[in-house]
Amino acid sequence: MARTILNGRPIAGAHAMQKRTLGAMAVAALALFAPLSAVEGQSNTEPAIAQAPRTVNLTAEQRFIIKEIVYKDLNVPRALAGAPESIGDSVPSNVELHDMTAELAKKVPVAKSHKFYVTADAIVLVSPSDRRVADVIK
């Protein structure tokens, strides 16, 4: 290591200061790179199945409007127990789909082409072209 010299004389403690600086850098390097080694050591388990993406994007306000109209103004019968409630699931033909009302289509135009059904705890929007769950409003 180079010696620190001031006015032609070595500075007392400069060597100790350099050691402390190197020690601090070593600790910082360990802190930065230790998480990477922990990730590499993880077991190779099967990844969880990702949920299908929504085919209709509703704002919180639009979700609220749909809930208000469907639950308060429409007398829609509930679908049978076991009707799918996961985005991307195929909806069986025995589940009755309902059209969006004119009021719903006017207030939430992004959902007007979809159909829906009601379960015990959700309003399920369905893409009519493939009868797949597009979104679930709880």
Protein backbone atom coordinates (compact mmCIF):
# COMPACT_ATOMS: atom_id res chain seq x y z
CA MET A 1 0.00 0.00 0.00
CA ALA A 2 1.13 3.52 -0.66
CA ARG A 3 2.12 5.59 2.32
CA THR A 4 0.42 8.90 2.90
CA ILE A 5 3.02 11.64 3.37
CA LEU A 6 2.47 15.19 4.53
CA ASN A 7 5.37 17.66 4.64
CA GLY A 8 7.83 14.85 4.00
CA ARG A 9 6.64 12.72 6.98
CA PRO A 10 4.27 9.76 7.06
CA ILE A 11 0.91 10.56 8.61
CA ALA A 12 0.21 8.51 11.73
CA GLY A 13 -2.97 6.49 11.39
CA ALA A 14 -3.16 6.80 7.58
CA HIS A 15 -2.46 3.09 7.24
CA ALA A 16 -5.21 2.31 9.74
CA MET A 17 -7.60 4.60 7.87
CA GLN A 18 -6.87 2.81 4.60
CA LYS A 19 -7.56 -0.55 6.28
CA ARG A 20 -10.88 0.74 7.62
CA THR A 21 -11.87 2.05 4.19
CA LEU A 22 -11.06 -1.28 2.57
CA GLY A 23 -12.96 -3.10 5.33
CA ALA A 24 -16.01 -0.88 4.81
CA MET A 25 -15.87 -1.50 1.06
CA ALA A 26 -15.70 -5.27 1.65
CA VAL A 27 -18.75 -5.14 3.93
CA ALA A 28 -20.64 -3.07 1.35
CA ALA A 29 -19.75 -5.54 -1.40
CA LEU A 30 -20.99 -8.44 0.71
CA ALA A 31 -24.23 -6.62 1.46
CA LEU A 32 -24.79 -5.93 -2.23
CA PHE A 33 -23.94 -9.36 -3.59
CA ALA A 34 -25.10 -11.67 -0.79
CA PRO A 35 -28.77 -11.55 -1.90
CA LEU A 36 -27.73 -12.69 -5.39
CA SER A 37 -26.03 -15.78 -4.05
CA ALA A 38 -29.09 -16.60 -1.93
CA VAL A 39 -31.30 -16.46 -5.03
CA GLU A 40 -28.98 -18.76 -6.93
CA GLY A 41 -29.18 -21.30 -4.12
CA GLN A 42 -32.97 -21.59 -4.19
CA SER A 43 -34.52 -24.84 -5.28
CA ASN A 44 -35.96 -25.22 -8.75
CA THR A 45 -39.65 -25.60 -7.97
CA GLU A 46 -42.37 -25.38 -10.57
CA PRO A 47 -43.55 -21.79 -11.06
CA ALA A 48 -47.08 -20.92 -10.08
CA ILE A 49 -49.52 -20.72 -12.96
CA ALA A 50 -50.01 -17.09 -13.86
CA GLN A 51 -53.52 -15.75 -13.95
CA ALA A 52 -54.83 -14.96 -17.42
CA PRO A 53 -54.87 -11.25 -18.24
CA ARG A 54 -58.12 -9.34 -18.09
CA THR A 55 -59.66 -8.70 -21.49
CA VAL A 56 -61.47 -5.62 -20.21
CA ASN A 57 -59.82 -2.99 -18.03
CA LEU A 58 -62.21 -1.36 -15.60
CA THR A 59 -61.46 1.48 -13.23
CA ALA A 60 -62.54 1.29 -9.59
CA GLU A 61 -65.33 3.76 -10.41
CA GLN A 62 -66.58 1.62 -13.31
CA ARG A 63 -66.57 -1.47 -11.08
CA PHE A 64 -68.61 0.42 -8.50
CA ILE A 65 -71.13 1.54 -11.12
CA ILE A 66 -71.59 -2.02 -12.40
CA LYS A 67 -72.07 -3.34 -8.85
CA GLU A 68 -74.58 -0.62 -8.00
CA ILE A 69 -76.69 -1.21 -11.10
CA VAL A 70 -76.56 -5.01 -11.10
CA TYR A 71 -77.17 -5.53 -7.38
CA LYS A 72 -79.67 -2.70 -6.79
CA ASP A 73 -81.53 -2.21 -10.06
CA LEU A 74 -81.48 -5.56 -11.84
CA ASN A 75 -83.17 -8.69 -10.65
CA VAL A 76 -80.66 -11.13 -12.11
CA PRO A 77 -80.84 -14.74 -10.91
CA ARG A 78 -77.65 -16.17 -9.42
CA ALA A 79 -75.68 -18.71 -11.42
CA LEU A 80 -75.48 -22.23 -10.10
CA ALA A 81 -72.81 -22.96 -7.50
CA GLY A 82 -69.51 -23.86 -9.12
CA ALA A 83 -69.79 -21.37 -11.98
CA PRO A 84 -66.25 -20.20 -12.81
CA GLU A 85 -64.93 -17.04 -11.17
CA SER A 86 -61.34 -17.00 -12.44
CA ILE A 87 -60.22 -14.78 -15.30
CA GLY A 88 -59.60 -16.84 -18.43
CA ASP A 89 -61.82 -19.76 -17.38
CA SER A 90 -64.24 -21.13 -19.93
CA VAL A 91 -67.89 -20.62 -18.98
CA PRO A 92 -70.04 -23.72 -19.53
CA SER A 93 -73.12 -23.45 -21.71
CA ASN A 94 -75.40 -24.20 -18.75
CA VAL A 95 -74.47 -20.83 -17.18
CA GLU A 96 -76.96 -18.21 -18.38
CA LEU A 97 -75.27 -15.03 -19.63
CA HIS A 98 -77.03 -11.67 -19.38
CA ASP A 99 -76.64 -8.70 -21.74
CA MET A 100 -75.39 -5.39 -20.46
CA THR A 101 -78.33 -3.05 -20.09
CA ALA A 102 -78.49 0.23 -22.01
CA GLU A 103 -77.75 2.08 -18.76
CA LEU A 104 -74.66 -0.06 -18.08
CA ALA A 105 -73.46 0.33 -21.67
CA LYS A 106 -73.88 4.11 -21.43
CA LYS A 107 -72.12 4.47 -18.06
CA VAL A 108 -69.40 1.84 -18.69
CA PRO A 109 -68.93 1.75 -22.48
CA VAL A 110 -65.77 -0.38 -22.27
CA ALA A 111 -67.90 -3.29 -20.99
CA LYS A 112 -70.89 -2.93 -23.32
CA SER A 113 -69.82 -5.77 -25.62
CA HIS A 114 -69.50 -8.19 -22.69
CA LYS A 115 -72.11 -10.34 -21.03
CA PHE A 116 -72.29 -11.17 -17.34
CA TYR A 117 -73.64 -13.49 -14.69
CA VAL A 118 -73.89 -13.19 -10.93
CA THR A 119 -72.54 -15.70 -8.43
CA ALA A 120 -72.98 -15.76 -4.65
CA ASP A 121 -70.22 -13.18 -4.19
CA ALA A 122 -69.24 -11.72 -7.58
CA ILE A 123 -70.35 -10.26 -10.88
CA VAL A 124 -68.52 -12.13 -13.62
CA LEU A 125 -67.96 -10.40 -16.97
CA VAL A 126 -67.70 -12.76 -19.94
CA SER A 127 -66.33 -12.25 -23.43
CA PRO A 128 -69.20 -13.46 -25.63
CA SER A 129 -66.97 -14.46 -28.54
CA ASP A 130 -65.27 -17.29 -26.64
CA ARG A 131 -67.34 -17.51 -23.41
CA ARG A 132 -64.28 -16.92 -21.25
CA VAL A 133 -64.26 -14.95 -17.99
CA ALA A 134 -62.98 -11.46 -18.82
CA ASP A 135 -63.13 -9.91 -15.33
CA VAL A 136 -64.55 -10.57 -11.90
CA ILE A 137 -66.07 -7.81 -9.78
CA LYS A 138 -66.29 -8.58 -6.07
